[in-house]
Amino acid sequence: MKLFWNYLWQHRMGLVLFFLFGLVFAGVFSLYSLELEAIFYALLWCSLLACVLTGVDFVRFCARHRQLERIAKNSVLLADTLPRPLNQMEEDYQEILADLLRKNREILTQWQTQRSDSIDYYTTWVHQIKTPISAMRMMLQAQDTSENRQLLLELFRIEQYVEMVLSYFRLDSSSSDFVFREYPLDPIIRQAIRKYAPQFVGKRIQLIYEPTAESVLTDEKWLQFILEQLLSNAIKYTPKGTITIRVDAEKNLRITDTGIGIAPEDLPRVFEKGFTGYNGRADKKSTGLGLYLCKQAAQKLSHRIEIDSRVGVGTTVSLGLASVELQTE
C-alpha cells in the first residue's frame, strides 16, 4: 500500500491536471447549456481508461522498484544492470551514478594497491628486524647480570610489539591466514606460558595452571597469539600475587590475575581500537591494540571473549572455545 501511495504522489501533477481538465469541460458545457449527462459519460470513460493505463504503469513501476532494490543490495555486481531510463532526467542520473562508480573503483583499486604494498613492506621489515633482535639477545645472554636481564626483558617487549604490527596487518587483511583443525589445548597453553616464564620469575608472580585434556577446533597460531596477549596484560598489570589459568568442561578458558583491575567505566570499551583507559594512561606505554587484536582474532576463530574485573581485586578474562560453527578441514 505504501508503494501505491508513493506512486500516486509521484504522478500527482497528472492526477491534478486530469481533474482540472474535467472541471474545464464541465464549465464549458454548462456555459453552452449542454446536458450534464454527456460530461459525466465522457468523464466515466476517461476515468476507466485512466485506471487501466495507471494499473499497467503501476505494474511496471513495481517491477522497476524491485529491480532497483536488488541492485541496492548488491550494488557492486548489479550497478551495470540498471533499468533503461524512461526520460532524460533518469538518463542524467544514471550517467552521474556511472561516473561516481567508476571513480570509486579507481580509488578502491588504488587503496588496495597501497595497502598491499604496506603489508609487504611491514612483513619484510618484521623479518629483517628479527635478525638484530636475535643478535642482541645472544650478546646479552653471554653474561648473566641484573642489567642484562633487564635489557633482555625490554628486548622481549620490543619483539612483542614487532609481532603485534604484523598481526595487525594480517588480521585486517582480506586474505585468509587461518588453518582450522582440532588441536589439543594443553600444548598451546604451555607454549604461551614458557614464552612468558622469565617475566613470571622476574616479577615473582605465582602461576597456577591446571593441565587440561580438552581439544579445540581452532587455528593454533592465532589462538596462541590471543593467549600470549592475555598473559602479557595479566603480567603487566599484576605487581604481585598470582595468575591462574583454568579450562572447564565447557571449554571455557579463564585467565585470572590478582592485579590492579579495570575501572568499571573502562570495561565496556576495553576491546575498542586504541582505547587505553585509566590503566593505560597511567602506564604511559599502552598502545590500546592488544585487546583489540584479541577480540578481532577471537571473532574470526568464532571464539567468545569476555572480561570481568574489580579495581584492586583483579581481572578474569574468559575465552569460550566451544566453536560449533566451524568445520574441520
Protein backbone atom coordinates (compact mmCIF):
# COMPACT_ATOMS: atom_id res chain seq x y z
CA MET A 1 0.00 0.00 0.00
CA LYS A 2 2.86 2.36 0.82
CA LEU A 3 4.33 1.75 -2.62
CA PHE A 4 0.97 2.57 -4.25
CA TRP A 5 0.71 5.87 -2.38
CA ASN A 6 4.27 6.68 -3.37
CA TYR A 7 3.31 6.02 -6.98
CA LEU A 8 0.28 8.32 -6.73
CA TRP A 9 2.38 11.04 -5.12
CA GLN A 10 4.96 10.72 -7.89
CA HIS A 11 2.20 11.25 -10.50
CA ARG A 12 0.26 13.86 -8.53
CA MET A 13 0.61 16.51 -11.22
CA GLY A 14 -1.00 14.27 -13.83
CA LEU A 15 -3.92 13.49 -11.49
CA VAL A 16 -4.41 17.17 -10.72
CA LEU A 17 -4.40 18.03 -14.43
CA PHE A 18 -6.95 15.28 -15.13
CA PHE A 19 -9.40 16.72 -12.60
CA LEU A 20 -8.75 20.29 -13.76
CA PHE A 21 -9.47 19.31 -17.37
CA GLY A 22 -12.70 17.67 -16.19
CA LEU A 23 -13.72 20.89 -14.45
CA VAL A 24 -12.86 22.93 -17.56
CA PHE A 25 -15.04 20.69 -19.74
CA ALA A 26 -17.85 20.86 -17.18
CA GLY A 27 -17.63 24.65 -17.10
CA VAL A 28 -17.67 24.98 -20.92
CA PHE A 29 -20.60 22.57 -21.28
CA SER A 30 -22.58 24.44 -18.65
CA LEU A 31 -21.96 27.80 -20.38
CA TYR A 32 -23.47 26.43 -23.57
CA SER A 33 -26.36 24.85 -21.66
CA LEU A 34 -25.41 21.33 -22.79
CA GLU A 35 -26.67 18.26 -20.98
CA LEU A 36 -24.54 17.25 -17.99
CA GLU A 37 -25.03 13.57 -18.82
CA ALA A 38 -22.61 13.99 -21.71
CA ILE A 39 -19.99 15.34 -19.30
CA PHE A 40 -20.42 12.53 -16.78
CA TYR A 41 -20.46 9.90 -19.52
CA ALA A 42 -17.22 11.22 -21.01
CA LEU A 43 -15.63 11.52 -17.58
CA LEU A 44 -16.63 7.94 -16.75
CA TRP A 45 -14.97 6.53 -19.84
CA CYS A 46 -11.91 8.70 -19.37
CA SER A 47 -11.67 7.56 -15.76
CA LEU A 48 -11.94 3.87 -16.71
CA LEU A 49 -9.29 4.32 -19.38
CA ALA A 50 -7.07 6.21 -16.91
CA CYS A 51 -7.46 3.42 -14.32
CA VAL A 52 -6.43 0.75 -16.85
CA LEU A 53 -3.41 2.71 -18.02
CA THR A 54 -2.49 3.59 -14.42
CA GLY A 55 -2.70 -0.10 -13.42
CA VAL A 56 -0.39 -1.13 -16.26
CA ASP A 57 2.03 1.67 -15.44
CA PHE A 58 1.91 0.77 -11.73
CA VAL A 59 2.88 -2.83 -12.52
CA ARG A 60 5.88 -1.53 -14.48
CA PHE A 61 6.66 0.83 -11.58
CA CYS A 62 6.69 -2.09 -9.11
CA ALA A 63 8.94 -4.16 -11.40
CA ARG A 64 11.45 -1.31 -11.69
CA HIS A 65 11.29 -0.78 -7.93
CA ARG A 66 12.11 -4.46 -7.22
CA GLN A 67 14.95 -4.37 -9.74
CA LEU A 68 16.44 -1.29 -8.10
CA GLU A 69 16.09 -2.94 -4.66
CA ARG A 70 18.15 -5.92 -5.91
CA ILE A 71 20.77 -3.54 -7.25
CA ALA A 72 20.87 -1.65 -3.94
CA LYS A 73 21.55 -4.91 -2.05
CA ASN A 74 24.40 -5.85 -4.39
CA SER A 75 25.48 -2.59 -5.98
CA VAL A 76 28.99 -3.79 -6.89
CA LEU A 77 27.75 -6.62 -9.11
CA LEU A 78 24.49 -5.14 -10.42
CA ALA A 79 25.38 -1.49 -10.89
CA ASP A 80 25.80 -2.03 -14.63
CA THR A 81 22.32 -3.59 -14.94
CA LEU A 82 20.22 -0.53 -14.19
CA PRO A 83 16.84 -0.42 -15.99
CA ARG A 84 16.67 1.56 -19.19
CA PRO A 85 15.94 5.24 -18.40
CA LEU A 86 12.41 6.34 -19.19
CA ASN A 87 13.19 10.02 -19.54
CA GLN A 88 16.05 12.49 -19.85
CA MET A 89 16.25 13.08 -16.10
CA GLU A 90 16.70 9.36 -15.35
CA GLU A 91 19.35 9.17 -18.04
CA ASP A 92 21.22 12.09 -16.46
CA TYR A 93 21.05 10.44 -13.03
CA GLN A 94 22.39 7.18 -14.43
CA GLU A 95 25.29 8.96 -16.10
CA ILE A 96 26.17 10.64 -12.80
CA LEU A 97 25.94 7.28 -10.98
CA ALA A 98 28.13 5.56 -13.57
CA ASP A 99 30.76 8.28 -13.22
CA LEU A 100 30.72 8.01 -9.41
CA LEU A 101 31.05 4.22 -9.58
CA ARG A 102 33.98 4.49 -11.96
CA LYS A 103 35.78 6.93 -9.66
CA ASN A 104 35.00 4.73 -6.64
CA ARG A 105 36.53 1.71 -8.36
CA GLU A 106 39.64 3.68 -9.23
CA ILE A 107 40.01 4.83 -5.60
CA LEU A 108 39.37 1.30 -4.28
CA THR A 109 41.95 -0.18 -6.64
CA GLN A 110 44.47 2.48 -5.61
CA TRP A 111 43.78 1.83 -1.91
CA GLN A 112 44.13 -1.94 -2.31
CA THR A 113 47.44 -1.47 -4.11
CA GLN A 114 48.77 0.86 -1.41
CA ARG A 115 47.60 -1.49 1.34
CA SER A 116 49.22 -4.48 -0.33
CA ASP A 117 52.47 -2.54 -0.63
CA SER A 118 52.25 -1.57 3.06
CA ILE A 119 51.69 -5.18 4.15
CA ASP A 120 54.62 -6.35 2.01
CA TYR A 121 56.83 -3.61 3.45
CA TYR A 122 55.98 -4.31 7.09
CA THR A 123 56.23 -8.07 6.58
CA THR A 124 59.74 -7.61 5.19
CA TRP A 125 60.58 -5.15 7.97
CA VAL A 126 59.44 -7.57 10.68
CA HIS A 127 61.57 -10.39 9.30
CA GLN A 128 64.59 -8.10 8.90
CA ILE A 129 64.32 -6.60 12.39
CA LYS A 130 64.32 -10.08 13.93
CA THR A 131 67.98 -10.52 12.93
CA PRO A 132 69.40 -7.66 15.07
CA ILE A 133 66.97 -8.62 17.88
CA SER A 134 68.35 -12.18 17.89
CA ALA A 135 71.91 -10.86 17.80
CA MET A 136 71.27 -8.53 20.75
CA ARG A 137 69.69 -11.38 22.72
CA MET A 138 72.74 -13.59 22.18
CA MET A 139 75.05 -10.77 23.28
CA LEU A 140 73.01 -10.09 26.43
CA GLN A 141 72.76 -13.77 27.31
CA ALA A 142 76.54 -14.09 27.21
CA GLN A 143 76.75 -12.53 30.69
CA ASP A 144 74.14 -13.13 33.35
CA THR A 145 73.92 -9.78 35.14
CA SER A 146 70.96 -7.89 36.55
CA GLU A 147 71.44 -5.19 33.94
CA ASN A 148 71.46 -7.72 31.09
CA ARG A 149 68.35 -9.42 32.48
CA GLN A 150 66.55 -6.09 32.48
CA LEU A 151 67.71 -5.38 28.93
CA LEU A 152 66.52 -8.84 27.85
CA LEU A 153 63.11 -8.03 29.29
CA GLU A 154 62.93 -4.79 27.31
CA LEU A 155 64.14 -6.63 24.20
CA PHE A 156 61.35 -9.16 24.69
CA ARG A 157 58.82 -6.32 24.75
CA ILE A 158 60.27 -4.90 21.54
CA GLU A 159 59.86 -8.28 19.89
CA GLN A 160 56.25 -8.47 21.08
CA TYR A 161 55.48 -5.06 19.59
CA VAL A 162 57.09 -6.12 16.32
CA GLU A 163 54.90 -9.23 16.19
CA MET A 164 51.85 -7.10 17.03
CA VAL A 165 52.47 -4.94 13.95
CA LEU A 166 52.46 -7.97 11.68
CA SER A 167 49.39 -9.44 13.39
CA TYR A 168 47.55 -6.14 12.98
CA PHE A 169 48.02 -6.18 9.21
CA ARG A 170 47.26 -9.88 8.85
CA LEU A 171 44.02 -9.67 10.81
CA ASP A 172 42.78 -6.71 8.80
CA SER A 173 43.71 -8.34 5.51
CA SER A 174 41.06 -9.78 3.20
CA SER A 175 43.21 -12.85 2.52
CA SER A 176 42.75 -15.86 4.78
CA ASP A 177 45.56 -16.68 7.20
CA PHE A 178 43.67 -19.32 9.16
CA VAL A 179 44.04 -23.10 9.21
CA PHE A 180 41.33 -24.74 11.33
CA ARG A 181 41.98 -28.13 12.87
CA GLU A 182 41.31 -30.00 16.08
CA TYR A 183 44.22 -29.16 18.40
CA PRO A 184 44.98 -30.35 21.94
CA LEU A 185 44.71 -27.28 24.14
CA ASP A 186 47.34 -28.09 26.76
CA PRO A 187 50.45 -27.75 24.49
CA ILE A 188 49.22 -24.37 23.21
CA ILE A 189 48.78 -23.05 26.74
CA ARG A 190 52.15 -24.42 27.88
CA GLN A 191 53.94 -22.83 24.93
CA ALA A 192 52.48 -19.42 25.84
CA ILE A 193 53.48 -19.95 29.48
CA ARG A 194 57.07 -20.87 28.54
CA LYS A 195 57.36 -17.72 26.47
CA TYR A 196 56.48 -15.56 29.47
CA ALA A 197 58.26 -17.66 32.10
CA PRO A 198 61.12 -15.11 32.54
CA GLN A 199 58.59 -12.39 33.30
CA PHE A 200 56.83 -14.56 35.88
CA VAL A 201 60.18 -15.15 37.54
CA GLY A 202 61.33 -11.54 37.22
CA LYS A 203 58.19 -10.14 38.86
CA ARG A 204 57.90 -13.08 41.28
CA ILE A 205 54.33 -13.80 40.22
CA GLN A 206 52.99 -17.24 41.10
CA LEU A 207 51.44 -19.18 38.22
CA ILE A 208 48.65 -21.65 38.90
CA TYR A 209 47.84 -23.84 35.93
CA GLU A 210 45.65 -26.90 35.93
CA PRO A 211 46.50 -29.09 32.89
CA THR A 212 43.64 -29.90 30.57
CA ALA A 213 42.91 -32.80 28.22
CA GLU A 214 40.46 -30.76 26.11
CA SER A 215 40.83 -30.35 22.35
CA VAL A 216 39.52 -27.35 20.45
CA LEU A 217 38.64 -26.59 16.86
CA THR A 218 40.73 -23.52 16.13
CA ASP A 219 43.79 -22.09 14.42
CA GLU A 220 46.80 -22.89 16.60
CA LYS A 221 48.87 -19.84 15.70
CA TRP A 222 46.12 -17.29 16.29
CA LEU A 223 44.85 -18.93 19.48
CA GLN A 224 48.38 -18.82 20.85
CA PHE A 225 48.59 -15.16 19.84
CA ILE A 226 45.44 -14.44 21.88
CA LEU A 227 46.77 -16.32 24.90
CA GLU A 228 50.10 -14.52 24.73
CA GLN A 229 48.42 -11.12 24.61
CA LEU A 230 46.18 -12.00 27.56
CA LEU A 231 49.14 -13.29 29.58
CA SER A 232 51.12 -10.18 28.70
CA ASN A 233 48.33 -7.95 30.02
CA ALA A 234 47.91 -10.05 33.15
CA ILE A 235 51.64 -9.84 33.96
CA LYS A 236 51.85 -6.13 33.11
CA TYR A 237 49.05 -5.14 35.49
CA THR A 238 49.83 -7.59 38.31
CA PRO A 239 52.56 -6.09 40.52
CA LYS A 240 52.44 -9.12 42.82
CA GLY A 241 50.26 -12.12 43.56
CA THR A 242 49.10 -14.93 41.29
CA ILE A 243 47.86 -15.63 37.77
CA THR A 244 45.58 -18.65 37.37
CA ILE A 245 44.77 -20.49 34.14
CA ARG A 246 41.88 -22.97 34.11
CA VAL A 247 39.79 -24.74 31.47
CA ASP A 248 36.36 -26.11 32.41
CA ALA A 249 34.34 -28.91 30.83
CA GLU A 250 32.51 -26.44 28.55
CA LYS A 251 35.89 -25.41 27.06
CA ASN A 252 35.90 -22.01 28.72
CA LEU A 253 39.49 -20.92 29.30
CA ARG A 254 39.85 -18.41 32.12
CA ILE A 255 42.91 -16.35 32.97
CA THR A 256 42.53 -14.75 36.41
CA ASP A 257 45.02 -12.36 37.97
CA THR A 258 45.23 -10.53 41.28
CA GLY A 259 46.32 -7.28 39.66
CA ILE A 260 45.13 -3.71 39.85
CA GLY A 261 41.88 -4.41 37.97
CA ILE A 262 39.98 -2.30 35.45
CA ALA A 263 37.77 0.68 36.26
CA PRO A 264 34.03 -0.06 35.75
CA GLU A 265 33.66 2.82 33.29
CA ASP A 266 36.50 1.39 31.17
CA LEU A 267 35.20 -2.20 30.96
CA PRO A 268 32.69 -1.65 28.10
CA ARG A 269 35.44 -0.12 25.92
CA VAL A 270 38.49 -2.31 26.60
CA PHE A 271 38.16 -4.05 23.20
CA GLU A 272 37.97 -0.80 21.24
CA LYS A 273 40.84 0.03 18.92
CA GLY A 274 43.32 2.39 20.55
CA PHE A 275 41.46 2.59 23.86
CA THR A 276 43.90 2.60 26.79
CA GLY A 277 41.67 3.53 29.71
CA TYR A 278 42.82 4.71 33.12
CA ASN A 279 45.44 1.95 33.49
CA GLY A 280 46.90 2.62 30.06
CA ARG A 281 47.21 6.34 30.67
CA ALA A 282 48.90 5.67 34.00
CA ASP A 283 51.29 3.15 32.43
CA LYS A 284 52.25 5.58 29.60
CA LYS A 285 53.29 2.59 27.42
CA SER A 286 49.95 1.08 26.46
CA THR A 287 49.07 1.08 22.76
CA GLY A 288 45.43 0.09 23.12
CA LEU A 289 45.88 -2.58 20.43
CA GLY A 290 46.43 -5.78 22.41
CA LEU A 291 42.84 -6.49 23.49
CA TYR A 292 41.51 -5.07 20.21
CA LEU A 293 43.55 -7.61 18.26
CA CYS A 294 42.46 -10.37 20.67
CA LYS A 295 38.82 -9.50 20.02
CA GLN A 296 39.29 -9.42 16.26
CA ALA A 297 41.17 -12.73 16.22
CA ALA A 298 38.60 -14.37 18.53
CA GLN A 299 35.75 -13.31 16.26
CA LYS A 300 37.49 -14.76 13.21
CA LEU A 301 38.01 -18.01 15.14
CA SER A 302 34.37 -17.99 16.35
CA HIS A 303 35.59 -17.83 19.94
CA ARG A 304 33.87 -15.70 22.57
CA ILE A 305 35.98 -13.40 24.74
CA GLU A 306 34.75 -11.55 27.83
CA ILE A 307 36.34 -9.61 30.69
CA ASP A 308 35.23 -9.24 34.28
CA SER A 309 37.24 -7.07 36.65
CA ARG A 310 37.19 -5.28 40.00
CA VAL A 311 39.57 -2.48 40.89
CA GLY A 312 42.11 -3.61 43.47
CA VAL A 313 40.94 -7.24 43.29
CA GLY A 314 41.91 -8.47 39.85
CA THR A 315 40.72 -9.37 36.36
CA THR A 316 39.31 -12.52 34.77
CA VAL A 317 39.36 -12.98 31.01
CA SER A 318 37.10 -15.76 29.70
CA LEU A 319 37.73 -17.29 26.31
CA GLY A 320 34.93 -19.52 25.05
CA LEU A 321 36.49 -22.16 22.80
CA ALA A 322 33.40 -24.29 22.04
CA SER A 323 33.15 -23.20 18.40
CA VAL A 324 30.24 -25.13 16.89
CA GLU A 325 30.10 -23.09 13.68
CA LEU A 326 33.44 -24.21 12.25
CA GLN A 327 34.20 -27.32 10.24
CA THR A 328 37.47 -29.24 10.29
CA GLU A 329 39.49 -29.10 7.08
